[in-house]
N, C-alpha and C. Protein backbone atom coordinates (compact mmCIF):
# COMPACT_ATOMS: atom_id res chain seq x y z
N UNK A 1 1.47 -0.98 38.54
CA UNK A 1 1.99 -1.12 37.00
C UNK A 1 1.71 -1.95 36.26
N UNK A 2 0.87 -1.69 35.10
CA UNK A 2 0.32 -3.19 34.45
C UNK A 2 1.97 -3.29 33.51
N UNK A 3 2.12 -4.55 33.57
CA UNK A 3 3.27 -5.33 32.75
C UNK A 3 2.86 -6.17 31.89
N UNK A 4 1.78 -6.29 31.60
CA UNK A 4 0.97 -7.38 30.49
C UNK A 4 1.39 -6.84 29.50
N UNK A 5 1.57 -8.00 28.55
CA UNK A 5 1.93 -7.73 27.03
C UNK A 5 0.27 -7.71 26.32
N UNK A 6 0.52 -6.93 25.10
CA UNK A 6 -0.61 -6.92 24.24
C UNK A 6 -0.90 -8.56 23.84
N UNK A 7 -1.86 -8.87 23.39
CA UNK A 7 -2.27 -10.47 22.70
C UNK A 7 -1.75 -10.23 21.40
N UNK A 8 -0.91 -11.30 21.50
CA UNK A 8 -0.47 -11.53 19.96
C UNK A 8 -1.22 -11.81 18.93
N UNK A 9 -2.36 -12.46 19.52
CA UNK A 9 -3.87 -12.58 18.31
C UNK A 9 -4.25 -11.31 17.94
N UNK A 10 -4.92 -10.41 19.03
CA UNK A 10 -5.33 -9.17 18.52
C UNK A 10 -4.65 -8.47 18.03
N UNK A 11 -3.14 -8.11 17.97
CA UNK A 11 -2.54 -7.47 17.61
C UNK A 11 -2.41 -7.92 15.84
N UNK A 12 -1.87 -9.20 15.77
CA UNK A 12 -2.34 -9.81 14.64
C UNK A 12 -3.80 -9.72 13.44
N UNK A 13 -4.44 -9.81 14.21
CA UNK A 13 -5.63 -9.37 13.76
C UNK A 13 -5.78 -7.92 13.19
N UNK A 14 -5.64 -6.70 14.34
CA UNK A 14 -5.47 -5.67 13.87
C UNK A 14 -4.81 -5.36 12.40
N UNK A 15 -3.48 -6.09 12.61
CA UNK A 15 -2.65 -5.65 11.35
C UNK A 15 -3.53 -6.19 10.29
N UNK A 16 -3.88 -7.18 10.60
CA UNK A 16 -4.64 -8.01 9.01
C UNK A 16 -5.63 -7.00 8.72
N UNK A 17 -6.44 -6.78 9.55
CA UNK A 17 -7.66 -5.73 9.32
C UNK A 17 -6.73 -4.58 8.49
N UNK A 18 -5.77 -4.21 8.96
CA UNK A 18 -5.37 -2.84 8.52
C UNK A 18 -4.85 -2.88 6.99
N UNK A 19 -4.04 -3.98 6.80
CA UNK A 19 -3.79 -4.43 5.42
C UNK A 19 -4.63 -4.42 4.51
N UNK A 20 -5.89 -5.40 5.09
CA UNK A 20 -6.95 -5.71 4.24
C UNK A 20 -7.72 -4.31 3.78
N UNK A 21 -7.88 -3.48 4.42
CA UNK A 21 -8.61 -2.50 4.26
C UNK A 21 -7.80 -1.37 3.36
N UNK A 22 -6.82 -1.27 3.45
CA UNK A 22 -5.67 -0.85 2.69
C UNK A 22 -5.65 -1.14 1.29
N UNK A 23 -5.34 -2.28 1.35
CA UNK A 23 -5.44 -3.28 -0.14
C UNK A 23 -6.59 -2.75 -0.80
N UNK A 24 -7.94 -3.05 -0.15
CA UNK A 24 -9.10 -3.18 -0.66
C UNK A 24 -9.37 -1.73 -1.42
N UNK A 25 -8.85 -0.84 -0.85
CA UNK A 25 -9.13 0.77 -1.14
C UNK A 25 -8.00 1.22 -2.64
N UNK A 26 -7.10 0.60 -2.66
CA UNK A 26 -5.97 0.81 -3.91
C UNK A 26 -6.70 0.74 -5.15
N UNK A 27 -6.39 2.13 -6.13
CA UNK A 27 -6.81 1.94 -7.69
C UNK A 27 -5.88 1.54 -8.62
N UNK A 28 -6.13 1.32 -9.57
CA UNK A 28 -5.35 1.32 -10.69
C UNK A 28 -5.59 2.43 -11.48
N UNK A 29 -4.92 2.40 -12.74
CA UNK A 29 -5.32 3.33 -13.52
C UNK A 29 -6.62 3.92 -14.05
N UNK A 30 -7.27 3.07 -13.89
CA UNK A 30 -8.83 3.09 -14.63
C UNK A 30 -9.49 3.49 -13.29
N UNK A 31 -9.03 3.84 -12.07
CA UNK A 31 -9.99 4.11 -10.97
C UNK A 31 -10.37 2.81 -10.76
N UNK A 32 -10.41 1.65 -11.02
CA UNK A 32 -10.83 0.39 -10.37
C UNK A 32 -9.79 -0.22 -9.14
N UNK A 33 -10.25 -1.02 -8.35
CA UNK A 33 -9.66 -1.67 -7.37
C UNK A 33 -8.53 -2.31 -7.89
N UNK A 34 -7.23 -2.69 -7.58
CA UNK A 34 -6.54 -3.40 -7.81
C UNK A 34 -6.71 -5.16 -7.76
N UNK A 35 -6.40 -5.69 -8.70
CA UNK A 35 -6.85 -7.13 -8.76
C UNK A 35 -6.01 -7.86 -7.35
N UNK A 36 -6.76 -9.12 -7.65
CA UNK A 36 -6.41 -10.03 -6.26
C UNK A 36 -4.61 -10.42 -6.63
N UNK A 37 -4.27 -10.55 -7.53
CA UNK A 37 -2.58 -10.75 -7.83
C UNK A 37 -1.90 -9.77 -7.52
N UNK A 38 -2.33 -8.33 -7.87
CA UNK A 38 -1.57 -7.42 -7.52
C UNK A 38 -1.59 -6.98 -5.58
N UNK A 39 -2.81 -7.46 -5.00
CA UNK A 39 -2.89 -7.47 -3.59
C UNK A 39 -2.12 -8.66 -3.13
N UNK A 40 -2.05 -9.96 -3.60
CA UNK A 40 -1.26 -10.79 -3.17
C UNK A 40 0.20 -10.36 -3.14
N UNK A 41 0.71 -9.81 -4.27
CA UNK A 41 2.10 -9.40 -4.26
C UNK A 41 2.30 -8.31 -3.18
N UNK A 42 1.52 -7.68 -2.92
CA UNK A 42 2.01 -6.41 -1.92
C UNK A 42 1.97 -7.31 -0.61
N UNK A 43 0.79 -8.25 -0.38
CA UNK A 43 0.49 -8.67 1.21
C UNK A 43 1.98 -9.79 1.23
N UNK A 44 2.25 -10.37 -0.06
CA UNK A 44 3.65 -11.31 0.09
C UNK A 44 5.03 -10.46 0.48
N UNK A 45 4.89 -9.08 0.22
CA UNK A 45 5.79 -8.16 0.91
C UNK A 45 6.00 -7.85 2.18
N UNK A 46 4.60 -7.67 2.72
CA UNK A 46 4.52 -7.34 3.97
C UNK A 46 4.63 -8.58 4.75
N UNK A 47 4.31 -9.71 4.12
CA UNK A 47 4.68 -11.14 5.34
C UNK A 47 6.05 -11.41 5.45
N UNK A 48 6.79 -11.35 3.91
CA UNK A 48 8.25 -11.54 3.82
C UNK A 48 8.81 -10.16 3.14
N UNK A 49 9.45 -9.12 3.97
CA UNK A 49 9.99 -7.88 3.12
C UNK A 49 11.36 -8.21 2.89
N UNK A 50 11.40 -9.09 1.88
CA UNK A 50 13.04 -8.98 1.08
C UNK A 50 13.16 -8.13 -0.13
N UNK A 51 14.29 -7.72 -0.22
CA UNK A 51 14.49 -7.18 -1.70
C UNK A 51 13.85 -7.64 -2.81
N UNK A 52 13.48 -8.76 -3.12
CA UNK A 52 13.27 -9.72 -4.18
C UNK A 52 11.78 -9.38 -4.03
N UNK A 53 11.12 -9.32 -2.64
CA UNK A 53 9.80 -9.21 -2.94
C UNK A 53 8.93 -7.75 -3.06
N UNK A 54 10.32 -6.62 -2.57
CA UNK A 54 9.80 -5.39 -2.80
C UNK A 54 10.04 -5.03 -4.16
N UNK A 55 11.01 -5.64 -5.19
CA UNK A 55 11.01 -5.21 -6.36
C UNK A 55 10.02 -6.05 -7.35
N UNK A 56 9.34 -6.86 -6.64
CA UNK A 56 8.37 -7.42 -7.50
C UNK A 56 6.84 -6.46 -7.32
N UNK A 57 6.76 -5.94 -6.02
CA UNK A 57 5.40 -4.98 -6.04
C UNK A 57 5.83 -4.00 -5.58
N UNK A 58 6.72 -3.12 -6.11
CA UNK A 58 7.29 -1.59 -5.79
C UNK A 58 6.45 -0.83 -7.05
N UNK A 59 6.10 -1.49 -8.14
CA UNK A 59 5.68 -0.68 -9.32
C UNK A 59 4.07 -0.90 -9.67
N UNK A 60 3.37 -1.63 -8.43
CA UNK A 60 2.22 -1.86 -8.42
C UNK A 60 1.52 -0.19 -8.18
N UNK A 61 0.52 0.08 -9.26
CA UNK A 61 -0.33 1.23 -8.92
C UNK A 61 -1.17 1.18 -7.67
N UNK A 62 -0.94 2.04 -6.49
CA UNK A 62 -1.93 1.99 -5.38
C UNK A 62 -2.57 3.13 -5.52
N UNK A 63 -2.40 4.03 -6.37
CA UNK A 63 -3.70 5.41 -6.53
C UNK A 63 -3.47 5.43 -8.20
N UNK A 64 -4.62 6.46 -8.43
CA UNK A 64 -4.72 6.36 -9.98
C UNK A 64 -3.39 6.87 -10.52
N UNK A 65 -2.71 7.46 -10.08
CA UNK A 65 -0.98 8.00 -10.47
C UNK A 65 0.23 7.75 -9.75
N UNK A 66 -0.26 6.68 -8.83
CA UNK A 66 1.03 6.72 -7.88
C UNK A 66 1.10 5.25 -7.65
N UNK A 67 2.76 5.02 -7.77
CA UNK A 67 2.96 3.46 -7.43
C UNK A 67 3.41 3.02 -6.35
N UNK A 68 3.32 1.90 -5.72
CA UNK A 68 3.81 1.69 -4.32
C UNK A 68 4.81 2.53 -4.19
N UNK A 69 6.07 2.60 -4.74
CA UNK A 69 7.47 2.93 -4.26
C UNK A 69 7.24 4.44 -4.15
N UNK A 70 6.34 5.27 -5.12
CA UNK A 70 5.92 6.52 -4.88
C UNK A 70 5.23 7.11 -3.74
N UNK A 71 4.67 6.07 -3.17
CA UNK A 71 3.61 6.15 -1.75
C UNK A 71 4.58 6.00 -0.77
N UNK A 72 5.46 5.31 -0.90
CA UNK A 72 6.51 4.92 0.17
C UNK A 72 7.45 5.98 0.12
N UNK A 73 8.13 6.47 -0.68
CA UNK A 73 8.85 7.46 -0.60
C UNK A 73 8.17 9.02 -0.15
N UNK A 74 6.77 9.03 -0.24
CA UNK A 74 6.05 10.32 -0.08
C UNK A 74 5.95 10.48 1.22
N UNK A 75 6.04 9.02 2.10
CA UNK A 75 5.96 9.35 3.47
C UNK A 75 7.27 9.66 3.97
N UNK A 76 8.44 9.96 3.44
CA UNK A 76 9.51 10.34 3.88
C UNK A 76 10.55 8.93 4.13
N UNK A 77 10.11 7.77 3.52
CA UNK A 77 11.19 6.75 3.85
C UNK A 77 12.16 6.51 2.78
N UNK A 78 13.44 6.53 3.28
CA UNK A 78 14.72 6.52 2.07
C UNK A 78 14.07 5.96 0.70
N UNK A 79 14.53 6.30 -0.59
CA UNK A 79 13.90 5.86 -2.14
C UNK A 79 14.88 4.62 -2.28
N UNK A 80 16.04 4.72 -2.17
CA UNK A 80 16.91 3.35 -2.61
C UNK A 80 17.15 2.37 -1.37
N UNK A 81 16.37 2.25 -0.94
CA UNK A 81 16.21 1.18 0.13
C UNK A 81 15.19 0.27 0.40
N UNK A 82 15.05 -1.18 0.75
CA UNK A 82 13.83 -1.99 1.15
C UNK A 82 13.20 -1.16 2.26
N UNK A 83 11.98 -0.74 2.14
CA UNK A 83 11.31 -0.15 3.16
C UNK A 83 10.87 -1.13 4.27
N UNK A 84 10.18 -1.13 5.35
CA UNK A 84 9.93 -1.77 6.31
C UNK A 84 8.21 -2.14 5.80
N UNK A 85 7.70 -3.16 6.51
CA UNK A 85 6.57 -3.31 6.17
C UNK A 85 5.35 -2.35 6.75
N UNK A 86 6.10 -1.72 7.79
CA UNK A 86 5.06 -0.79 8.69
C UNK A 86 5.22 0.45 7.71
N UNK A 87 6.38 1.04 7.06
CA UNK A 87 6.29 2.12 5.87
C UNK A 87 5.53 1.99 4.78
N UNK A 88 5.78 0.82 4.03
CA UNK A 88 4.75 0.27 3.21
C UNK A 88 2.95 0.45 3.57
N UNK A 89 2.59 -0.06 4.44
CA UNK A 89 1.41 -0.05 5.10
C UNK A 89 0.86 1.22 5.30
N UNK A 90 1.67 2.04 6.12
CA UNK A 90 1.42 3.28 6.30
C UNK A 90 1.54 4.63 5.11
N UNK A 91 2.09 3.76 3.79
CA UNK A 91 2.08 4.68 2.63
C UNK A 91 1.09 4.16 1.75
N UNK A 92 0.61 2.68 1.95
CA UNK A 92 -0.73 2.34 1.60
C UNK A 92 -2.03 2.97 2.14
N UNK A 93 -1.99 3.47 3.34
CA UNK A 93 -3.23 4.23 3.96
C UNK A 93 -3.34 5.52 3.77
N UNK A 94 -2.00 6.16 3.12
CA UNK A 94 -1.91 7.62 2.85
C UNK A 94 -2.30 8.15 1.45
N UNK A 95 -2.15 6.59 0.60
CA UNK A 95 -2.16 6.60 -0.62
C UNK A 95 -3.85 6.71 -1.20
N UNK A 96 -4.53 6.17 -0.07
CA UNK A 96 -5.97 5.71 -0.31
C UNK A 96 -6.84 6.95 -0.68
N UNK A 97 -7.53 6.79 -1.85
CA UNK A 97 -8.56 7.73 -2.22
C UNK A 97 -10.10 7.59 -2.67
N UNK A 98 -10.04 6.39 -2.12
CA UNK A 98 -11.82 5.54 -1.99
C UNK A 98 -12.16 5.28 -0.61
N UNK A 99 -13.37 5.62 -0.40
CA UNK A 99 -13.94 5.02 0.72
C UNK A 99 -14.37 3.24 0.57
N UNK A 100 -14.40 2.92 2.02
CA UNK A 100 -14.69 1.35 2.00
C UNK A 100 -16.09 1.37 2.18
């Protein structure tokens, strides 16, 4: 029976890659990738999931006609609570409309 734990470094690297790819594919209203400031605000929430950080990034468009908040509740997460970083990352991945 293998009781070894996964490498923290490889897990963190995989999460970083998922975040990078998901944020790189987000589109604004004009079908352009969201700017660096918007990506930084979402990343800040993923890194530090506080109510204040959620309120700062939830209205960012992550699809042509979809805010981050709408994308999160579309995954089945509760609408009026601070979502987990995993819920937000899943929402970003599900709202992706452009290939990398």
